Amino acid sequence: MDASSLAHIEEMATLQFSIEEVAIITALGVADLRCGPGATAFMRGRLRAQAEVRAAILQAAKQGSTPAQKEFQKLATDSAIVADED
């Protein structure tokens, strides 16, 4: 898979299309997006979009938006790292 294909996969994943939808849009097989470089590009796109949204939520929270503060707190709680209890 060439760099252009990987960039296109990442771009489509950024828009939160499913693997199946990206496969149709890019004319690739779903298997190409489930492992290897295609899977990495797909996950990178989805995660970059989520990071952008989280950054916007954080910015709004810092500016005093109560809904953004609540959403950010929910994100922080949902993604908290829990220490193993041995």
C-alpha atoms as a PDB file:
ATOM      1  CA  MET A   1       0.000   0.000   0.000  1.00  0.00           C
ATOM      2  CA  ASP A   2       1.505   3.340  -1.002  1.00  0.00           C
ATOM      3  CA  ALA A   3       1.708   6.547   1.043  1.00  0.00           C
ATOM      4  CA  SER A   4      -1.167   8.126  -0.872  1.00  0.00           C
ATOM      5  CA  SER A   5      -3.503   5.224  -0.038  1.00  0.00           C
ATOM      6  CA  LEU A   6      -2.506   5.335   3.611  1.00  0.00           C
ATOM      7  CA  ALA A   7      -3.134   9.093   3.746  1.00  0.00           C
ATOM      8  CA  HIS A   8      -6.564   8.594   2.160  1.00  0.00           C
ATOM      9  CA  ILE A   9      -7.433   5.871   4.683  1.00  0.00           C
ATOM     10  CA  GLU A  10      -6.360   8.156   7.527  1.00  0.00           C
ATOM     11  CA  GLU A  11      -8.373  11.069   6.134  1.00  0.00           C
ATOM     12  CA  MET A  12     -11.540   8.969   5.826  1.00  0.00           C
ATOM     13  CA  ALA A  13     -11.063   7.503   9.314  1.00  0.00           C
ATOM     14  CA  THR A  14     -10.692  11.043  10.679  1.00  0.00           C
ATOM     15  CA  LEU A  15     -14.245  11.601   9.477  1.00  0.00           C
ATOM     16  CA  GLN A  16     -15.238   8.583  11.616  1.00  0.00           C
ATOM     17  CA  PHE A  17     -16.269   6.313   8.752  1.00  0.00           C
ATOM     18  CA  SER A  18     -16.363   2.628   9.695  1.00  0.00           C
ATOM     19  CA  ILE A  19     -13.777   0.175   8.384  1.00  0.00           C
ATOM     20  CA  GLU A  20     -16.343  -1.153   5.915  1.00  0.00           C
ATOM     21  CA  GLU A  21     -17.158   2.334   4.656  1.00  0.00           C
ATOM     22  CA  VAL A  22     -13.479   3.241   4.257  1.00  0.00           C
ATOM     23  CA  ALA A  23     -12.943   0.002   2.336  1.00  0.00           C
ATOM     24  CA  ILE A  24     -15.723   0.979  -0.079  1.00  0.00           C
ATOM     25  CA  ILE A  25     -14.503   4.572  -0.443  1.00  0.00           C
ATOM     26  CA  THR A  26     -10.888   3.547  -1.036  1.00  0.00           C
ATOM     27  CA  ALA A  27     -11.664   0.413  -3.086  1.00  0.00           C
ATOM     28  CA  LEU A  28      -9.604  -1.699  -0.708  1.00  0.00           C
ATOM     29  CA  GLY A  29     -10.507  -4.903   1.042  1.00  0.00           C
ATOM     30  CA  VAL A  30     -11.661  -4.790   4.642  1.00  0.00           C
ATOM     31  CA  ALA A  31      -8.800  -7.174   5.474  1.00  0.00           C
ATOM     32  CA  ASP A  32      -6.341  -4.479   4.307  1.00  0.00           C
ATOM     33  CA  LEU A  33      -7.746  -2.174   6.998  1.00  0.00           C
ATOM     34  CA  ARG A  34      -7.775  -4.708   9.816  1.00  0.00           C
ATOM     35  CA  CYS A  35      -4.038  -5.416   9.957  1.00  0.00           C
ATOM     36  CA  GLY A  36      -0.717  -3.935   8.917  1.00  0.00           C
ATOM     37  CA  PRO A  37      -0.170  -0.383   7.669  1.00  0.00           C
ATOM     38  CA  GLY A  38      -3.811   0.043   6.656  1.00  0.00           C
ATOM     39  CA  ALA A  39      -4.987  -0.689  10.191  1.00  0.00           C
ATOM     40  CA  THR A  40      -2.431   1.722  11.631  1.00  0.00           C
ATOM     41  CA  ALA A  41      -3.563   4.490   9.261  1.00  0.00           C
ATOM     42  CA  PHE A  42      -7.203   3.801  10.108  1.00  0.00           C
ATOM     43  CA  MET A  43      -6.632   3.962  13.864  1.00  0.00           C
ATOM     44  CA  ARG A  44      -4.385   7.022  13.538  1.00  0.00           C
ATOM     45  CA  GLY A  45      -7.133   8.887  11.690  1.00  0.00           C
ATOM     46  CA  ARG A  46      -9.821   8.005  14.220  1.00  0.00           C
ATOM     47  CA  LEU A  47      -7.589   8.872  17.170  1.00  0.00           C
ATOM     48  CA  ARG A  48      -6.416  12.167  15.671  1.00  0.00           C
ATOM     49  CA  ALA A  49     -10.022  13.271  15.215  1.00  0.00           C
ATOM     50  CA  GLN A  50     -10.836  12.289  18.786  1.00  0.00           C
ATOM     51  CA  ALA A  51      -7.786  14.202  20.002  1.00  0.00           C
ATOM     52  CA  GLU A  52      -8.927  17.323  18.150  1.00  0.00           C
ATOM     53  CA  VAL A  53     -12.377  17.090  19.726  1.00  0.00           C
ATOM     54  CA  ARG A  54     -10.885  16.547  23.184  1.00  0.00           C
ATOM     55  CA  ALA A  55      -8.626  19.576  22.691  1.00  0.00           C
ATOM     56  CA  ALA A  56     -11.672  21.677  21.779  1.00  0.00           C
ATOM     57  CA  ILE A  57     -13.528  20.399  24.859  1.00  0.00           C
ATOM     58  CA  LEU A  58     -10.543  21.235  27.067  1.00  0.00           C
ATOM     59  CA  GLN A  59     -10.288  24.720  25.588  1.00  0.00           C
ATOM     60  CA  ALA A  60     -13.996  25.355  26.162  1.00  0.00           C
ATOM     61  CA  ALA A  61     -13.715  23.982  29.712  1.00  0.00           C
ATOM     62  CA  LYS A  62     -10.815  26.344  30.444  1.00  0.00           C
ATOM     63  CA  GLN A  63     -12.978  29.214  29.221  1.00  0.00           C
ATOM     64  CA  GLY A  64     -15.626  28.321  31.787  1.00  0.00           C
ATOM     65  CA  SER A  65     -18.096  26.225  29.809  1.00  0.00           C
ATOM     66  CA  THR A  66     -19.868  24.083  32.387  1.00  0.00           C
ATOM     67  CA  PRO A  67     -20.995  21.441  29.831  1.00  0.00           C
ATOM     68  CA  ALA A  68     -17.414  21.218  28.532  1.00  0.00           C
ATOM     69  CA  GLN A  69     -16.063  20.897  32.062  1.00  0.00           C
ATOM     70  CA  LYS A  70     -18.490  18.040  32.735  1.00  0.00           C
ATOM     71  CA  GLU A  71     -17.609  16.339  29.444  1.00  0.00           C
ATOM     72  CA  PHE A  72     -13.901  16.705  30.104  1.00  0.00           C
ATOM     73  CA  GLN A  73     -14.307  15.252  33.591  1.00  0.00           C
ATOM     74  CA  LYS A  74     -16.228  12.316  32.080  1.00  0.00           C
ATOM     75  CA  LEU A  75     -13.456  11.764  29.529  1.00  0.00           C
ATOM     76  CA  ALA A  76     -10.834  11.886  32.278  1.00  0.00           C
ATOM     77  CA  THR A  77     -12.752   9.401  34.416  1.00  0.00           C
ATOM     78  CA  ASP A  78     -13.512   7.036  31.522  1.00  0.00           C
ATOM     79  CA  SER A  79      -9.882   6.949  30.413  1.00  0.00           C
ATOM     80  CA  ALA A  80      -8.299   6.870  33.867  1.00  0.00           C
ATOM     81  CA  ILE A  81      -5.419   4.455  34.363  1.00  0.00           C
ATOM     82  CA  VAL A  82      -6.238   2.105  37.201  1.00  0.00           C
ATOM     83  CA  ALA A  83      -3.331   0.570  39.085  1.00  0.00           C
ATOM     84  CA  ASP A  84      -3.293  -3.201  39.350  1.00  0.00           C
ATOM     85  CA  GLU A  85      -4.247  -4.438  42.765  1.00  0.00           C
ATOM     86  CA  ASP A  86      -2.099  -7.423  43.689  1.00  0.00           C
END
